[in-house]
Amino acid sequence: MRSKSLPGAGDSLFHNNGDGTFTNVSKKAGVSDPEGRYGLGAIWTDVDNDGWLDLFVANDATGNYLYHNKKDGTFAEIACRPACLSMMTAFPSVPWAPR
């Protein structure tokens, strides 16, 4: 039996302008989720120990996203290794790092 995903609306990332306002930088940063998957949770973690936070987004019944920080305000979606998929699907709010 195939799992059906809940309808989604894309993901959003906001930049704090420091004056009480925020700017939506989702598209500029490359994390907008144009497929509109239903996001269940997200965490910031440094998956490659380069000192820059990467972003993991767990989605419902569809593929998850692992965004690698390109150190310029943008992210590149990279494939999750099997350990990433199983660990982060089961515990989307628990930070982790590869060993």
C-alpha atoms as a PDB file:
ATOM      1  CA  MET A   1       0.000   0.000   0.000  1.00  0.00           C
ATOM      2  CA  ARG A   2       1.375   3.406  -0.975  1.00  0.00           C
ATOM      3  CA  SER A   3       1.419   6.160   1.640  1.00  0.00           C
ATOM      4  CA  LYS A   4      -0.342   9.369   0.736  1.00  0.00           C
ATOM      5  CA  SER A   5       1.164  12.650   1.810  1.00  0.00           C
ATOM      6  CA  LEU A   6      -0.794  15.534   3.242  1.00  0.00           C
ATOM      7  CA  PRO A   7      -1.022  18.553   0.920  1.00  0.00           C
ATOM      8  CA  GLY A   8       1.758  21.042   1.552  1.00  0.00           C
ATOM      9  CA  ALA A   9       2.430  24.679   0.828  1.00  0.00           C
ATOM     10  CA  GLY A  10       6.210  24.962   0.512  1.00  0.00           C
ATOM     11  CA  ASP A  11       8.755  25.986   3.146  1.00  0.00           C
ATOM     12  CA  SER A  12       9.701  29.425   4.421  1.00  0.00           C
ATOM     13  CA  LEU A  13      12.924  30.881   5.807  1.00  0.00           C
ATOM     14  CA  PHE A  14      12.957  34.382   7.270  1.00  0.00           C
ATOM     15  CA  HIS A  15      15.886  36.731   7.855  1.00  0.00           C
ATOM     16  CA  ASN A  16      15.733  38.838  11.045  1.00  0.00           C
ATOM     17  CA  ASN A  17      16.315  42.444   9.949  1.00  0.00           C
ATOM     18  CA  GLY A  18      17.199  43.491  13.505  1.00  0.00           C
ATOM     19  CA  ASP A  19      14.479  46.134  13.668  1.00  0.00           C
ATOM     20  CA  GLY A  20      11.500  43.980  14.621  1.00  0.00           C
ATOM     21  CA  THR A  21      10.795  42.965  11.012  1.00  0.00           C
ATOM     22  CA  PHE A  22      11.635  39.888   8.970  1.00  0.00           C
ATOM     23  CA  THR A  23      12.288  39.303   5.265  1.00  0.00           C
ATOM     24  CA  ASN A  24      11.256  36.105   3.505  1.00  0.00           C
ATOM     25  CA  VAL A  25      14.481  34.771   1.929  1.00  0.00           C
ATOM     26  CA  SER A  26      13.204  31.277   1.082  1.00  0.00           C
ATOM     27  CA  LYS A  27      13.655  31.502  -2.689  1.00  0.00           C
ATOM     28  CA  LYS A  28      16.893  33.506  -2.511  1.00  0.00           C
ATOM     29  CA  ALA A  29      18.374  30.977  -0.058  1.00  0.00           C
ATOM     30  CA  GLY A  30      17.230  27.988  -2.145  1.00  0.00           C
ATOM     31  CA  VAL A  31      14.992  26.392   0.493  1.00  0.00           C
ATOM     32  CA  SER A  32      11.482  27.305  -0.719  1.00  0.00           C
ATOM     33  CA  ASP A  33      10.361  23.740  -1.564  1.00  0.00           C
ATOM     34  CA  PRO A  34       8.766  24.466  -4.948  1.00  0.00           C
ATOM     35  CA  GLU A  35       7.210  20.965  -4.924  1.00  0.00           C
ATOM     36  CA  GLY A  36       5.070  22.005  -1.964  1.00  0.00           C
ATOM     37  CA  ARG A  37       5.750  19.007   0.252  1.00  0.00           C
ATOM     38  CA  TYR A  38       4.111  18.858   3.675  1.00  0.00           C
ATOM     39  CA  GLY A  39       6.865  19.747   6.141  1.00  0.00           C
ATOM     40  CA  LEU A  40       6.705  18.133   9.569  1.00  0.00           C
ATOM     41  CA  GLY A  41       9.738  19.669  11.233  1.00  0.00           C
ATOM     42  CA  ALA A  42      13.113  21.264  10.655  1.00  0.00           C
ATOM     43  CA  ILE A  43      16.401  21.421  12.514  1.00  0.00           C
ATOM     44  CA  TRP A  44      19.676  23.263  12.088  1.00  0.00           C
ATOM     45  CA  THR A  45      22.758  21.060  12.410  1.00  0.00           C
ATOM     46  CA  ASP A  46      26.302  20.978  11.064  1.00  0.00           C
ATOM     47  CA  VAL A  47      26.219  17.708   9.103  1.00  0.00           C
ATOM     48  CA  ASP A  48      29.770  17.945   7.769  1.00  0.00           C
ATOM     49  CA  ASN A  49      31.461  19.645  10.737  1.00  0.00           C
ATOM     50  CA  ASP A  50      32.573  22.661   8.671  1.00  0.00           C
ATOM     51  CA  GLY A  51      31.371  25.153  11.298  1.00  0.00           C
ATOM     52  CA  TRP A  52      28.324  26.274   9.282  1.00  0.00           C
ATOM     53  CA  LEU A  53      24.769  25.217  10.127  1.00  0.00           C
ATOM     54  CA  ASP A  54      22.960  23.098   7.556  1.00  0.00           C
ATOM     55  CA  LEU A  55      19.183  22.647   7.427  1.00  0.00           C
ATOM     56  CA  PHE A  56      17.234  19.391   7.558  1.00  0.00           C
ATOM     57  CA  VAL A  57      13.500  19.398   6.738  1.00  0.00           C
ATOM     58  CA  ALA A  58      11.427  16.295   7.502  1.00  0.00           C
ATOM     59  CA  ASN A  59       8.422  15.860   5.199  1.00  0.00           C
ATOM     60  CA  ASP A  60       5.303  13.717   5.399  1.00  0.00           C
ATOM     61  CA  ALA A  61       5.360  10.507   3.281  1.00  0.00           C
ATOM     62  CA  THR A  62       7.621  12.187   0.696  1.00  0.00           C
ATOM     63  CA  GLY A  63      11.352  12.703   0.486  1.00  0.00           C
ATOM     64  CA  ASN A  64      13.048  14.819   3.118  1.00  0.00           C
ATOM     65  CA  TYR A  65      15.394  17.706   2.334  1.00  0.00           C
ATOM     66  CA  LEU A  66      18.956  18.156   3.544  1.00  0.00           C
ATOM     67  CA  TYR A  67      20.260  21.605   2.630  1.00  0.00           C
ATOM     68  CA  HIS A  68      24.020  22.158   2.789  1.00  0.00           C
ATOM     69  CA  ASN A  69      25.066  25.674   3.788  1.00  0.00           C
ATOM     70  CA  LYS A  70      27.095  27.237   0.952  1.00  0.00           C
ATOM     71  CA  LYS A  71      28.432  29.935   3.343  1.00  0.00           C
ATOM     72  CA  ASP A  72      26.984  32.777   1.254  1.00  0.00           C
ATOM     73  CA  GLY A  73      23.389  32.911   2.498  1.00  0.00           C
ATOM     74  CA  THR A  74      22.286  30.124   0.163  1.00  0.00           C
ATOM     75  CA  PHE A  75      21.868  26.373   0.490  1.00  0.00           C
ATOM     76  CA  ALA A  76      22.247  23.397  -1.863  1.00  0.00           C
ATOM     77  CA  GLU A  77      19.870  20.466  -1.462  1.00  0.00           C
ATOM     78  CA  ILE A  78      21.975  17.318  -1.092  1.00  0.00           C
ATOM     79  CA  ALA A  79      20.939  13.699  -0.853  1.00  0.00           C
ATOM     80  CA  CYS A  80      20.551  12.261   2.626  1.00  0.00           C
ATOM     81  CA  ARG A  81      22.583   9.181   3.413  1.00  0.00           C
ATOM     82  CA  PRO A  82      20.521   6.203   4.680  1.00  0.00           C
ATOM     83  CA  ALA A  83      21.494   7.007   8.288  1.00  0.00           C
ATOM     84  CA  CYS A  84      20.186  10.537   7.821  1.00  0.00           C
ATOM     85  CA  LEU A  85      16.902   9.338   6.389  1.00  0.00           C
ATOM     86  CA  SER A  86      16.130   6.817   9.108  1.00  0.00           C
ATOM     87  CA  MET A  87      17.393   8.879  12.057  1.00  0.00           C
ATOM     88  CA  MET A  88      15.832  12.156  11.009  1.00  0.00           C
ATOM     89  CA  THR A  89      12.519  10.644   9.913  1.00  0.00           C
ATOM     90  CA  ALA A  90      12.126   8.983  13.274  1.00  0.00           C
ATOM     91  CA  PHE A  91      13.357  11.946  15.336  1.00  0.00           C
ATOM     92  CA  PRO A  92      12.938  15.185  13.327  1.00  0.00           C
ATOM     93  CA  SER A  93      13.500  17.417  16.355  1.00  0.00           C
ATOM     94  CA  VAL A  94      16.658  15.780  17.696  1.00  0.00           C
ATOM     95  CA  PRO A  95      19.970  17.265  16.459  1.00  0.00           C
ATOM     96  CA  TRP A  96      22.596  14.817  15.278  1.00  0.00           C
ATOM     97  CA  ALA A  97      25.979  14.779  13.637  1.00  0.00           C
ATOM     98  CA  PRO A  98      27.680  12.081  11.544  1.00  0.00           C
ATOM     99  CA  ARG A  99      30.483  10.163  13.180  1.00  0.00           C
END
